[in-house]
């Protein structure tokens, strides 16, 4: 993959901007990175937009894809249900050695959610969690979805944030397994920043939260 790497503020974390890239090659690259990394391998944070795709996590039921239409469906190895990725949605993949970080997957989920809540607060928007429904919500509508896998004590996959995506594709699925779950995006909440500008702000929040506890 063509990626630009730079050192982040969290010690040992490299940040990669993958631009727009097909889902499956990025997924396979995450698997390979995690499979081959060693105890001294620096953690990485990848930002990417994908062409339209539905992904089904390990708990996903096929019936939660109501009508895929022309959008490809890929069954993958993260936790969770079905979601959509596409242009205008910014995905942050977190390749983190949890043993070295000193916290577990539940705390990682909390920190990923907190990064979006902090980002939203910077725009004057109140983001919230919902009990038993991972992700971040604004007035009950989902703006960010979390899905992770841990292998050999290291995480991959991550969190997806709707910036200015066309949300119509969410009507083709039961998002995260919940029929009728509403989705929202930064553009509908008055944010006019570009994907690149949002990425810069979100990057800072993520790196601050992914450091040592």
N, C-alpha and C. Protein backbone atom coordinates (compact mmCIF):
# COMPACT_ATOMS: atom_id res chain seq x y z
N UNK A 1 0.84 -1.19 0.00
CA UNK A 1 0.00 0.00 0.00
C UNK A 1 0.87 1.24 0.00
N UNK A 2 0.40 2.29 -0.67
CA UNK A 2 1.09 3.56 -0.65
C UNK A 2 0.68 4.31 0.60
N UNK A 3 1.60 4.52 1.51
CA UNK A 3 1.25 5.16 2.77
C UNK A 3 2.34 6.13 3.16
N UNK A 4 1.92 7.20 3.81
CA UNK A 4 2.87 8.18 4.32
C UNK A 4 2.89 8.03 5.83
N UNK A 5 4.05 7.78 6.40
CA UNK A 5 4.17 7.55 7.84
C UNK A 5 4.85 8.73 8.50
N UNK A 6 4.42 9.02 9.71
CA UNK A 6 5.09 10.04 10.51
C UNK A 6 4.97 9.67 11.97
N UNK A 7 5.91 10.13 12.76
CA UNK A 7 5.88 9.83 14.18
C UNK A 7 4.77 10.61 14.85
N UNK A 8 4.03 9.96 15.72
CA UNK A 8 2.99 10.63 16.48
C UNK A 8 3.49 11.04 17.84
N UNK A 9 2.60 11.60 18.64
CA UNK A 9 2.96 12.08 19.97
C UNK A 9 2.96 10.95 20.99
N UNK A 10 2.16 9.90 20.77
CA UNK A 10 2.22 8.75 21.66
C UNK A 10 3.52 8.01 21.36
N UNK A 11 4.32 7.71 22.38
CA UNK A 11 5.65 7.11 22.14
C UNK A 11 5.55 5.85 21.29
N UNK A 12 6.37 5.80 20.24
CA UNK A 12 6.44 4.58 19.44
C UNK A 12 5.31 4.39 18.46
N UNK A 13 4.43 5.36 18.29
CA UNK A 13 3.29 5.21 17.39
C UNK A 13 3.57 5.88 16.05
N UNK A 14 3.46 5.12 14.96
CA UNK A 14 3.58 5.68 13.62
C UNK A 14 2.19 5.89 13.05
N UNK A 15 1.96 7.03 12.42
CA UNK A 15 0.66 7.36 11.83
C UNK A 15 0.78 7.24 10.32
N UNK A 16 -0.14 6.51 9.72
CA UNK A 16 -0.13 6.30 8.27
C UNK A 16 -1.43 6.82 7.66
N UNK A 17 -1.28 7.61 6.62
CA UNK A 17 -2.41 8.11 5.86
C UNK A 17 -2.51 7.30 4.58
N UNK A 18 -3.49 6.41 4.51
CA UNK A 18 -3.63 5.52 3.35
C UNK A 18 -4.50 6.13 2.26
N UNK A 19 -5.05 7.32 2.49
CA UNK A 19 -5.90 7.93 1.48
C UNK A 19 -7.18 7.12 1.30
N UNK A 20 -7.54 6.87 0.03
CA UNK A 20 -8.70 6.02 -0.25
C UNK A 20 -8.18 4.68 -0.77
N UNK A 21 -8.59 3.60 -0.13
CA UNK A 21 -8.05 2.28 -0.46
C UNK A 21 -9.13 1.22 -0.31
N UNK A 22 -9.11 0.21 -1.19
CA UNK A 22 -10.06 -0.90 -1.10
C UNK A 22 -9.97 -1.58 0.25
N UNK A 23 -11.11 -2.10 0.70
CA UNK A 23 -11.16 -2.66 2.05
C UNK A 23 -10.28 -3.90 2.22
N UNK A 24 -10.41 -4.87 1.34
CA UNK A 24 -9.77 -6.17 1.60
C UNK A 24 -8.24 -6.08 1.66
N UNK A 25 -7.57 -5.35 0.77
CA UNK A 25 -6.11 -5.26 0.92
C UNK A 25 -5.67 -4.62 2.24
N UNK A 26 -6.43 -3.64 2.71
CA UNK A 26 -6.09 -3.01 3.99
C UNK A 26 -6.30 -3.99 5.13
N UNK A 27 -7.40 -4.72 5.09
CA UNK A 27 -7.66 -5.74 6.11
C UNK A 27 -6.54 -6.77 6.14
N UNK A 28 -6.15 -7.27 4.97
CA UNK A 28 -5.08 -8.27 4.91
C UNK A 28 -3.75 -7.69 5.41
N UNK A 29 -3.52 -6.42 5.13
CA UNK A 29 -2.29 -5.79 5.61
C UNK A 29 -2.29 -5.67 7.13
N UNK A 30 -3.45 -5.40 7.72
CA UNK A 30 -3.54 -5.37 9.18
C UNK A 30 -3.25 -6.74 9.77
N UNK A 31 -3.82 -7.77 9.16
CA UNK A 31 -3.57 -9.13 9.64
C UNK A 31 -2.08 -9.47 9.57
N UNK A 32 -1.46 -9.13 8.44
CA UNK A 32 -0.04 -9.46 8.26
C UNK A 32 0.84 -8.67 9.23
N UNK A 33 0.53 -7.41 9.42
CA UNK A 33 1.29 -6.60 10.37
C UNK A 33 1.21 -7.21 11.76
N UNK A 34 0.01 -7.62 12.16
CA UNK A 34 -0.18 -8.18 13.50
C UNK A 34 0.49 -9.54 13.62
N UNK A 35 0.43 -10.33 12.56
CA UNK A 35 1.02 -11.67 12.59
C UNK A 35 2.54 -11.61 12.72
N UNK A 36 3.15 -10.63 12.09
CA UNK A 36 4.61 -10.61 12.01
C UNK A 36 5.27 -9.64 12.99
N UNK A 37 4.49 -8.86 13.71
CA UNK A 37 5.10 -7.89 14.61
C UNK A 37 5.76 -8.58 15.80
N UNK A 38 6.78 -7.96 16.34
CA UNK A 38 7.47 -8.49 17.51
C UNK A 38 7.29 -7.59 18.71
N UNK A 39 7.96 -7.95 19.80
CA UNK A 39 7.80 -7.19 21.03
C UNK A 39 8.25 -5.75 20.89
N UNK A 40 9.19 -5.49 20.00
CA UNK A 40 9.72 -4.13 19.85
C UNK A 40 9.09 -3.37 18.69
N UNK A 41 8.14 -3.98 17.98
CA UNK A 41 7.51 -3.31 16.83
C UNK A 41 6.70 -2.11 17.30
N UNK A 42 6.94 -0.93 16.76
CA UNK A 42 6.14 0.23 17.15
C UNK A 42 4.66 0.03 16.79
N UNK A 43 3.79 0.58 17.60
CA UNK A 43 2.37 0.59 17.28
C UNK A 43 2.12 1.49 16.07
N UNK A 44 0.99 1.26 15.40
CA UNK A 44 0.65 2.09 14.25
C UNK A 44 -0.82 2.50 14.30
N UNK A 45 -1.10 3.65 13.73
CA UNK A 45 -2.45 4.19 13.59
C UNK A 45 -2.64 4.52 12.12
N UNK A 46 -3.61 3.85 11.47
CA UNK A 46 -3.84 4.03 10.03
C UNK A 46 -5.15 4.78 9.82
N UNK A 47 -5.11 5.82 9.00
CA UNK A 47 -6.32 6.53 8.59
C UNK A 47 -6.61 6.20 7.13
N UNK A 48 -7.90 5.95 6.83
CA UNK A 48 -8.26 5.54 5.47
C UNK A 48 -9.73 5.84 5.21
N UNK A 49 -10.06 6.10 3.94
CA UNK A 49 -11.43 6.04 3.44
C UNK A 49 -11.52 4.83 2.52
N UNK A 50 -12.64 4.13 2.55
CA UNK A 50 -12.84 2.98 1.66
C UNK A 50 -13.89 3.29 0.60
N UNK A 51 -13.80 2.67 -0.57
CA UNK A 51 -14.95 2.61 -1.46
C UNK A 51 -16.09 1.88 -0.75
N UNK A 52 -17.34 2.02 -1.23
CA UNK A 52 -18.46 1.42 -0.51
C UNK A 52 -18.30 -0.09 -0.30
N UNK A 53 -18.56 -0.53 0.93
CA UNK A 53 -18.48 -1.95 1.28
C UNK A 53 -19.27 -2.17 2.57
N UNK A 54 -19.96 -3.29 2.65
CA UNK A 54 -20.53 -3.74 3.91
C UNK A 54 -19.60 -4.79 4.50
N UNK A 55 -19.32 -4.69 5.78
CA UNK A 55 -18.51 -5.71 6.45
C UNK A 55 -19.32 -6.37 7.54
N UNK A 56 -19.21 -7.69 7.61
CA UNK A 56 -19.92 -8.48 8.60
C UNK A 56 -18.92 -9.01 9.62
N UNK A 57 -19.09 -8.62 10.88
CA UNK A 57 -18.23 -9.11 11.94
C UNK A 57 -18.58 -10.52 12.35
N UNK A 58 -17.86 -11.02 13.34
CA UNK A 58 -18.01 -12.42 13.75
C UNK A 58 -19.41 -12.73 14.27
N UNK A 59 -20.09 -11.74 14.84
CA UNK A 59 -21.42 -11.96 15.39
C UNK A 59 -22.53 -11.63 14.41
N UNK A 60 -22.18 -11.21 13.20
CA UNK A 60 -23.17 -10.72 12.25
C UNK A 60 -24.04 -11.84 11.69
N UNK A 61 -25.32 -11.55 11.56
CA UNK A 61 -26.26 -12.46 10.92
C UNK A 61 -26.54 -11.97 9.50
N UNK A 62 -26.52 -12.87 8.53
CA UNK A 62 -26.73 -12.44 7.14
C UNK A 62 -28.03 -11.67 6.94
N UNK A 63 -29.06 -11.99 7.73
CA UNK A 63 -30.34 -11.31 7.54
C UNK A 63 -30.29 -9.82 7.92
N UNK A 64 -29.23 -9.40 8.58
CA UNK A 64 -29.09 -7.98 8.89
C UNK A 64 -28.64 -7.16 7.68
N UNK A 65 -28.27 -7.83 6.60
CA UNK A 65 -28.08 -7.16 5.31
C UNK A 65 -29.41 -7.26 4.58
N UNK A 66 -30.15 -6.19 4.55
CA UNK A 66 -31.51 -6.21 4.01
C UNK A 66 -31.50 -6.23 2.49
N UNK A 67 -30.65 -5.41 1.89
CA UNK A 67 -30.56 -5.31 0.43
C UNK A 67 -29.23 -4.67 0.08
N UNK A 68 -28.23 -5.50 -0.17
CA UNK A 68 -26.89 -4.96 -0.43
C UNK A 68 -26.83 -4.19 -1.74
N UNK A 69 -27.71 -4.52 -2.69
CA UNK A 69 -27.66 -3.86 -3.98
C UNK A 69 -26.30 -4.06 -4.63
N UNK A 70 -25.70 -3.00 -5.17
CA UNK A 70 -24.40 -3.15 -5.85
C UNK A 70 -23.20 -3.11 -4.90
N UNK A 71 -23.45 -2.97 -3.61
CA UNK A 71 -22.35 -2.81 -2.66
C UNK A 71 -21.83 -4.18 -2.23
N UNK A 72 -20.53 -4.44 -2.34
CA UNK A 72 -20.00 -5.75 -1.94
C UNK A 72 -20.14 -5.98 -0.44
N UNK A 73 -20.26 -7.26 -0.09
CA UNK A 73 -20.38 -7.69 1.31
C UNK A 73 -19.18 -8.57 1.63
N UNK A 74 -18.46 -8.25 2.70
CA UNK A 74 -17.26 -8.99 3.08
C UNK A 74 -17.40 -9.46 4.52
N UNK A 75 -17.28 -10.76 4.74
CA UNK A 75 -17.27 -11.27 6.12
C UNK A 75 -15.84 -11.23 6.64
N UNK A 76 -15.67 -10.65 7.82
CA UNK A 76 -14.33 -10.39 8.33
C UNK A 76 -14.19 -10.90 9.76
N UNK A 77 -13.02 -10.63 10.36
CA UNK A 77 -12.68 -11.26 11.63
C UNK A 77 -12.75 -10.33 12.83
N UNK A 78 -13.37 -9.16 12.68
CA UNK A 78 -13.53 -8.30 13.86
C UNK A 78 -14.74 -8.74 14.66
N UNK A 79 -14.84 -8.23 15.87
CA UNK A 79 -16.05 -8.43 16.65
C UNK A 79 -17.18 -7.57 16.10
N UNK A 80 -18.39 -7.88 16.55
CA UNK A 80 -19.52 -7.03 16.20
C UNK A 80 -20.34 -7.54 15.03
N UNK A 81 -21.20 -6.67 14.55
CA UNK A 81 -22.23 -7.01 13.58
C UNK A 81 -21.87 -6.45 12.20
N UNK A 82 -22.90 -5.95 11.50
CA UNK A 82 -22.70 -5.45 10.15
C UNK A 82 -22.58 -3.93 10.17
N UNK A 83 -21.70 -3.39 9.35
CA UNK A 83 -21.62 -1.94 9.18
C UNK A 83 -21.25 -1.63 7.73
N UNK A 84 -21.27 -0.35 7.43
CA UNK A 84 -20.93 0.15 6.09
C UNK A 84 -19.71 1.03 6.19
N UNK A 85 -18.83 0.93 5.20
CA UNK A 85 -17.75 1.88 5.01
C UNK A 85 -17.87 2.47 3.61
N UNK A 86 -17.47 3.73 3.48
CA UNK A 86 -17.52 4.34 2.16
C UNK A 86 -16.94 5.73 2.18
N UNK A 87 -16.91 6.39 1.02
CA UNK A 87 -16.37 7.74 0.91
C UNK A 87 -17.06 8.69 1.88
N UNK A 88 -16.27 9.58 2.46
CA UNK A 88 -16.82 10.52 3.43
C UNK A 88 -16.86 9.99 4.84
N UNK A 89 -16.48 8.74 5.01
CA UNK A 89 -16.34 8.16 6.35
C UNK A 89 -14.84 7.94 6.59
N UNK A 90 -14.36 8.44 7.70
CA UNK A 90 -12.95 8.32 8.05
C UNK A 90 -12.78 7.17 9.04
N UNK A 91 -11.92 6.22 8.69
CA UNK A 91 -11.69 5.06 9.54
C UNK A 91 -10.29 5.16 10.14
N UNK A 92 -10.21 4.91 11.44
CA UNK A 92 -8.92 4.86 12.14
C UNK A 92 -8.69 3.43 12.59
N UNK A 93 -7.67 2.79 12.03
CA UNK A 93 -7.31 1.43 12.42
C UNK A 93 -6.17 1.50 13.44
N UNK A 94 -6.35 0.78 14.53
CA UNK A 94 -5.46 0.90 15.69
C UNK A 94 -4.72 -0.41 15.88
N UNK A 95 -3.44 -0.41 15.54
CA UNK A 95 -2.59 -1.60 15.65
C UNK A 95 -1.70 -1.42 16.87
N UNK A 96 -2.21 -1.91 18.00
CA UNK A 96 -1.66 -1.58 19.30
C UNK A 96 -1.28 -2.84 20.05
N UNK A 97 -0.10 -2.84 20.65
CA UNK A 97 0.33 -3.92 21.54
C UNK A 97 -0.29 -3.65 22.91
N UNK A 98 -1.38 -4.35 23.22
CA UNK A 98 -2.10 -4.08 24.45
C UNK A 98 -1.30 -4.49 25.68
N UNK A 99 -0.49 -5.53 25.55
CA UNK A 99 0.35 -5.94 26.69
C UNK A 99 1.31 -4.81 27.04
N UNK A 100 1.92 -4.22 26.04
CA UNK A 100 2.86 -3.13 26.28
C UNK A 100 2.14 -1.87 26.75
N UNK A 101 0.94 -1.66 26.22
CA UNK A 101 0.17 -0.47 26.61
C UNK A 101 -0.31 -0.55 28.05
N UNK A 102 -0.56 -1.77 28.52
CA UNK A 102 -0.97 -1.95 29.90
C UNK A 102 -2.47 -1.86 30.14
N UNK A 103 -3.27 -2.02 29.07
CA UNK A 103 -4.72 -2.08 29.25
C UNK A 103 -5.31 -3.07 28.26
N UNK A 104 -6.57 -3.45 28.51
CA UNK A 104 -7.22 -4.48 27.71
C UNK A 104 -8.16 -3.92 26.66
N UNK A 105 -8.88 -4.83 26.01
CA UNK A 105 -9.70 -4.43 24.87
C UNK A 105 -10.87 -3.55 25.30
N UNK A 106 -11.46 -3.81 26.47
CA UNK A 106 -12.58 -2.96 26.90
C UNK A 106 -12.12 -1.53 27.13
N UNK A 107 -10.94 -1.38 27.70
CA UNK A 107 -10.41 -0.03 27.90
C UNK A 107 -10.05 0.61 26.56
N UNK A 108 -9.57 -0.19 25.61
CA UNK A 108 -9.28 0.35 24.28
C UNK A 108 -10.56 0.87 23.63
N UNK A 109 -11.64 0.10 23.72
CA UNK A 109 -12.92 0.56 23.17
C UNK A 109 -13.32 1.89 23.82
N UNK A 110 -13.19 1.96 25.14
CA UNK A 110 -13.55 3.19 25.85
C UNK A 110 -12.71 4.37 25.34
N UNK A 111 -11.42 4.15 25.15
CA UNK A 111 -10.55 5.23 24.70
C UNK A 111 -10.86 5.65 23.26
N UNK A 112 -11.17 4.70 22.41
CA UNK A 112 -11.55 5.05 21.04
C UNK A 112 -12.83 5.88 21.03
N UNK A 113 -13.82 5.45 21.81
CA UNK A 113 -15.05 6.23 21.93
C UNK A 113 -14.75 7.63 22.47
N UNK A 114 -13.90 7.68 23.49
CA UNK A 114 -13.58 8.97 24.11
C UNK A 114 -12.90 9.92 23.12
N UNK A 115 -12.11 9.36 22.20
CA UNK A 115 -11.45 10.22 21.21
C UNK A 115 -12.48 10.94 20.34
N UNK A 116 -13.56 10.24 19.99
CA UNK A 116 -14.62 10.86 19.18
C UNK A 116 -15.42 11.85 20.03
N UNK A 117 -15.71 11.48 21.26
CA UNK A 117 -16.44 12.40 22.15
C UNK A 117 -15.66 13.69 22.32
N UNK A 118 -14.33 13.58 22.49
CA UNK A 118 -13.49 14.78 22.63
C UNK A 118 -13.45 15.58 21.33
N UNK A 119 -13.36 14.88 20.19
CA UNK A 119 -13.38 15.56 18.90
C UNK A 119 -14.68 16.34 18.72
N UNK A 120 -15.80 15.69 19.01
CA UNK A 120 -17.10 16.35 18.89
C UNK A 120 -17.19 17.56 19.81
N UNK A 121 -16.69 17.41 21.03
CA UNK A 121 -16.74 18.53 21.98
C UNK A 121 -16.01 19.74 21.43
N UNK A 122 -14.92 19.50 20.70
CA UNK A 122 -14.18 20.60 20.09
C UNK A 122 -14.99 21.36 19.05
N UNK A 123 -16.01 20.70 18.50
CA UNK A 123 -16.92 21.34 17.56
C UNK A 123 -18.19 21.84 18.25
N UNK A 124 -18.25 21.73 19.57
CA UNK A 124 -19.44 22.15 20.30
C UNK A 124 -20.59 21.17 20.22
N UNK A 125 -20.28 19.90 19.97
CA UNK A 125 -21.30 18.85 19.81
C UNK A 125 -21.17 17.87 20.97
N UNK A 126 -22.30 17.46 21.54
CA UNK A 126 -22.29 16.52 22.65
C UNK A 126 -22.40 15.09 22.12
N UNK A 127 -21.34 14.32 22.26
CA UNK A 127 -21.36 12.91 21.91
C UNK A 127 -21.56 12.07 23.15
N UNK A 128 -22.23 10.94 22.99
CA UNK A 128 -22.57 10.10 24.13
C UNK A 128 -22.36 8.63 23.80
N UNK A 129 -22.20 7.84 24.86
CA UNK A 129 -22.25 6.38 24.75
C UNK A 129 -23.66 5.91 25.04
N UNK A 130 -23.98 4.69 24.57
CA UNK A 130 -25.23 4.05 24.94
C UNK A 130 -24.91 2.68 25.51
N UNK A 131 -25.54 2.35 26.62
CA UNK A 131 -25.25 1.10 27.33
C UNK A 131 -25.47 -0.10 26.41
N UNK A 132 -24.47 -0.97 26.34
CA UNK A 132 -24.57 -2.19 25.57
C UNK A 132 -24.49 -2.01 24.07
N UNK A 133 -24.22 -0.79 23.61
CA UNK A 133 -24.16 -0.49 22.17
C UNK A 133 -22.88 0.29 21.90
N UNK A 134 -21.76 -0.40 21.67
CA UNK A 134 -20.49 0.31 21.47
C UNK A 134 -20.58 1.33 20.35
N UNK A 135 -19.81 2.39 20.49
CA UNK A 135 -19.81 3.46 19.50
C UNK A 135 -20.12 4.78 20.16
N UNK A 136 -20.31 5.80 19.33
CA UNK A 136 -20.63 7.14 19.82
C UNK A 136 -21.89 7.63 19.12
N UNK A 137 -22.75 8.30 19.89
CA UNK A 137 -24.06 8.72 19.42
C UNK A 137 -24.25 10.21 19.68
N UNK A 138 -25.03 10.84 18.81
CA UNK A 138 -25.44 12.23 19.00
C UNK A 138 -26.95 12.26 18.92
N UNK A 139 -27.59 12.62 20.02
CA UNK A 139 -29.05 12.65 20.09
C UNK A 139 -29.66 11.33 19.62
N UNK A 140 -29.03 10.22 19.98
CA UNK A 140 -29.54 8.89 19.67
C UNK A 140 -29.15 8.33 18.32
N UNK A 141 -28.52 9.14 17.48
CA UNK A 141 -28.09 8.68 16.15
C UNK A 141 -26.60 8.36 16.19
N UNK A 142 -26.21 7.28 15.54
CA UNK A 142 -24.82 6.81 15.62
C UNK A 142 -23.94 7.58 14.65
N UNK A 143 -22.84 8.10 15.18
CA UNK A 143 -21.89 8.82 14.34
C UNK A 143 -20.57 8.08 14.21
N UNK A 144 -20.29 7.14 15.12
CA UNK A 144 -19.03 6.39 15.08
C UNK A 144 -19.26 4.97 15.54
N UNK A 145 -18.68 4.02 14.81
CA UNK A 145 -18.82 2.59 15.11
C UNK A 145 -17.46 1.99 15.42
N UNK A 146 -17.43 1.09 16.42
CA UNK A 146 -16.19 0.46 16.86
C UNK A 146 -16.25 -1.04 16.58
N UNK A 147 -15.16 -1.59 16.08
CA UNK A 147 -15.04 -3.04 15.92
C UNK A 147 -13.57 -3.42 15.97
N UNK A 148 -13.23 -4.40 16.80
CA UNK A 148 -11.83 -4.75 17.02
C UNK A 148 -11.62 -6.25 16.97
N UNK A 149 -10.38 -6.63 16.76
CA UNK A 149 -9.93 -8.00 16.98
C UNK A 149 -8.60 -7.92 17.72
N UNK A 150 -8.41 -8.88 18.64
CA UNK A 150 -7.14 -8.98 19.36
C UNK A 150 -6.51 -10.33 19.03
N UNK A 151 -5.27 -10.30 18.58
CA UNK A 151 -4.52 -11.51 18.25
C UNK A 151 -3.13 -11.38 18.84
N UNK A 152 -2.71 -12.40 19.58
CA UNK A 152 -1.39 -12.39 20.21
C UNK A 152 -1.20 -11.15 21.09
N UNK A 153 -2.29 -10.72 21.73
CA UNK A 153 -2.22 -9.57 22.61
C UNK A 153 -2.17 -8.23 21.92
N UNK A 154 -2.42 -8.21 20.60
CA UNK A 154 -2.34 -6.97 19.82
C UNK A 154 -3.66 -6.73 19.09
N UNK A 155 -4.07 -5.47 19.03
CA UNK A 155 -5.34 -5.12 18.39
C UNK A 155 -5.14 -4.77 16.92
N UNK A 156 -6.22 -5.00 16.15
CA UNK A 156 -6.35 -4.39 14.83
C UNK A 156 -7.82 -4.15 14.56
N UNK A 157 -8.16 -3.63 13.39
CA UNK A 157 -9.44 -2.97 13.11
C UNK A 157 -9.50 -1.68 13.95
N UNK A 158 -10.67 -1.10 14.19
CA UNK A 158 -10.67 0.18 14.88
C UNK A 158 -12.02 0.85 14.96
N UNK A 159 -12.08 2.12 14.53
CA UNK A 159 -13.27 2.95 14.72
C UNK A 159 -13.51 3.78 13.46
N UNK A 160 -14.78 3.90 13.07
CA UNK A 160 -15.16 4.62 11.85
C UNK A 160 -16.05 5.80 12.21
N UNK A 161 -15.75 6.96 11.64
CA UNK A 161 -16.45 8.21 11.94
C UNK A 161 -17.08 8.76 10.66
N UNK A 162 -18.38 9.04 10.72
CA UNK A 162 -19.08 9.62 9.58
C UNK A 162 -18.81 11.13 9.54
N UNK A 163 -18.13 11.56 8.48
CA UNK A 163 -17.80 12.98 8.33
C UNK A 163 -18.81 13.64 7.39
N UNK A 164 -18.75 13.31 6.11
CA UNK A 164 -19.74 13.82 5.15
C UNK A 164 -20.20 12.71 4.21
N UNK A 165 -20.24 11.49 4.73
CA UNK A 165 -20.63 10.32 3.94
C UNK A 165 -22.10 10.39 3.55
N UNK A 166 -22.43 9.76 2.43
CA UNK A 166 -23.82 9.55 2.04
C UNK A 166 -24.37 8.42 2.92
N UNK A 167 -25.28 8.74 3.81
CA UNK A 167 -25.76 7.77 4.79
C UNK A 167 -26.84 6.85 4.26
N UNK A 168 -27.22 7.01 2.98
CA UNK A 168 -28.32 6.20 2.44
C UNK A 168 -28.03 4.71 2.53
N UNK A 169 -26.76 4.32 2.43
CA UNK A 169 -26.42 2.89 2.46
C UNK A 169 -26.81 2.24 3.78
N UNK A 170 -26.87 3.01 4.86
CA UNK A 170 -27.24 2.42 6.14
C UNK A 170 -28.67 1.90 6.14
N UNK A 171 -29.52 2.40 5.21
CA UNK A 171 -30.89 1.91 5.12
C UNK A 171 -30.95 0.51 4.51
N UNK A 172 -29.84 0.05 3.93
CA UNK A 172 -29.79 -1.28 3.34
C UNK A 172 -29.42 -2.37 4.35
N UNK A 173 -29.11 -1.96 5.59
CA UNK A 173 -28.71 -2.91 6.63
C UNK A 173 -29.40 -2.56 7.94
N UNK A 174 -29.30 -3.49 8.90
CA UNK A 174 -29.60 -3.17 10.29
C UNK A 174 -28.25 -2.82 10.93
N UNK A 175 -27.93 -1.54 11.03
CA UNK A 175 -26.58 -1.18 11.48
C UNK A 175 -26.26 -1.77 12.85
N UNK A 176 -25.13 -2.46 12.91
CA UNK A 176 -24.68 -3.08 14.17
C UNK A 176 -25.73 -4.04 14.72
N UNK A 177 -26.62 -4.53 13.83
CA UNK A 177 -27.62 -5.50 14.25
C UNK A 177 -28.89 -4.91 14.81
N UNK A 178 -29.03 -3.58 14.78
CA UNK A 178 -30.20 -2.93 15.37
C UNK A 178 -31.10 -2.37 14.27
N UNK A 179 -32.29 -2.98 14.06
CA UNK A 179 -33.19 -2.48 13.03
C UNK A 179 -33.57 -1.02 13.28
N UNK A 180 -33.47 -0.23 12.22
CA UNK A 180 -33.91 1.15 12.31
C UNK A 180 -32.98 2.09 13.03
N UNK A 181 -31.78 1.64 13.40
CA UNK A 181 -30.85 2.53 14.09
C UNK A 181 -30.45 3.69 13.17
N UNK A 182 -30.68 4.90 13.65
CA UNK A 182 -30.37 6.08 12.84
C UNK A 182 -28.87 6.35 12.84
N UNK A 183 -28.39 6.88 11.73
CA UNK A 183 -27.00 7.31 11.61
C UNK A 183 -26.96 8.81 11.39
N UNK A 184 -25.87 9.42 11.81
CA UNK A 184 -25.68 10.84 11.54
C UNK A 184 -24.23 11.07 11.13
N UNK A 185 -23.91 12.31 10.78
CA UNK A 185 -22.57 12.65 10.30
C UNK A 185 -22.23 14.08 10.72
N UNK A 186 -20.96 14.38 10.72
CA UNK A 186 -20.53 15.72 11.11
C UNK A 186 -21.18 16.79 10.24
N UNK A 187 -21.31 16.53 8.94
CA UNK A 187 -21.87 17.52 8.03
C UNK A 187 -23.29 17.90 8.42
N UNK A 188 -24.06 16.95 8.96
CA UNK A 188 -25.43 17.24 9.38
C UNK A 188 -25.48 17.97 10.71
N UNK A 189 -24.34 18.05 11.38
CA UNK A 189 -24.28 18.72 12.69
C UNK A 189 -23.59 20.07 12.59
N UNK A 190 -23.47 20.57 11.36
CA UNK A 190 -22.94 21.91 11.16
C UNK A 190 -21.44 22.00 10.96
N UNK A 191 -20.75 20.85 10.87
CA UNK A 191 -19.30 20.86 10.69
C UNK A 191 -18.98 20.87 9.20
N UNK A 192 -18.21 21.86 8.77
CA UNK A 192 -17.89 22.00 7.35
C UNK A 192 -16.43 21.66 7.06
N UNK A 193 -15.70 21.16 8.05
CA UNK A 193 -14.30 20.80 7.84
C UNK A 193 -14.17 19.68 6.81
N UNK A 194 -13.07 19.69 6.08
CA UNK A 194 -12.76 18.60 5.16
C UNK A 194 -12.36 17.35 5.94
N UNK A 195 -12.33 16.23 5.23
CA UNK A 195 -11.84 14.99 5.83
C UNK A 195 -10.44 15.19 6.39
N UNK A 196 -9.58 15.87 5.63
CA UNK A 196 -8.20 16.07 6.08
C UNK A 196 -8.14 16.88 7.36
N UNK A 197 -8.98 17.91 7.47
CA UNK A 197 -8.98 18.74 8.68
C UNK A 197 -9.50 17.96 9.88
N UNK A 198 -10.56 17.18 9.66
CA UNK A 198 -11.08 16.33 10.74
C UNK A 198 -10.02 15.33 11.18
N UNK A 199 -9.33 14.75 10.20
CA UNK A 199 -8.30 13.76 10.52
C UNK A 199 -7.22 14.37 11.42
N UNK A 200 -6.79 15.57 11.12
CA UNK A 200 -5.74 16.20 11.92
C UNK A 200 -6.19 16.38 13.37
N UNK A 201 -7.43 16.81 13.56
CA UNK A 201 -7.94 17.01 14.91
C UNK A 201 -8.13 15.68 15.63
N UNK A 202 -8.67 14.71 14.91
CA UNK A 202 -8.94 13.40 15.53
C UNK A 202 -7.63 12.69 15.86
N UNK A 203 -6.67 12.83 14.99
CA UNK A 203 -5.35 12.22 15.22
C UNK A 203 -4.80 12.65 16.57
N UNK A 204 -4.88 13.95 16.87
CA UNK A 204 -4.35 14.45 18.13
C UNK A 204 -5.08 13.82 19.32
N UNK A 205 -6.40 13.70 19.22
CA UNK A 205 -7.17 13.10 20.31
C UNK A 205 -6.81 11.62 20.48
N UNK A 206 -6.69 10.91 19.38
CA UNK A 206 -6.37 9.48 19.45
C UNK A 206 -4.99 9.25 20.05
N UNK A 207 -4.01 9.99 19.58
CA UNK A 207 -2.65 9.79 20.08
C UNK A 207 -2.55 10.10 21.57
N UNK A 208 -3.28 11.11 22.01
CA UNK A 208 -3.27 11.44 23.43
C UNK A 208 -3.87 10.32 24.27
N UNK A 209 -4.92 9.69 23.74
CA UNK A 209 -5.64 8.66 24.50
C UNK A 209 -5.02 7.28 24.38
N UNK A 210 -4.18 7.06 23.37
CA UNK A 210 -3.58 5.74 23.18
C UNK A 210 -2.23 5.62 23.87
N UNK A 211 -1.79 6.67 24.53
CA UNK A 211 -0.55 6.59 25.29
C UNK A 211 -0.72 5.76 26.55
N UNK A 212 0.35 5.66 27.33
CA UNK A 212 0.31 4.86 28.56
C UNK A 212 -0.74 5.42 29.50
N UNK A 213 -1.45 4.54 30.24
CA UNK A 213 -2.50 5.00 31.15
C UNK A 213 -1.91 5.79 32.32
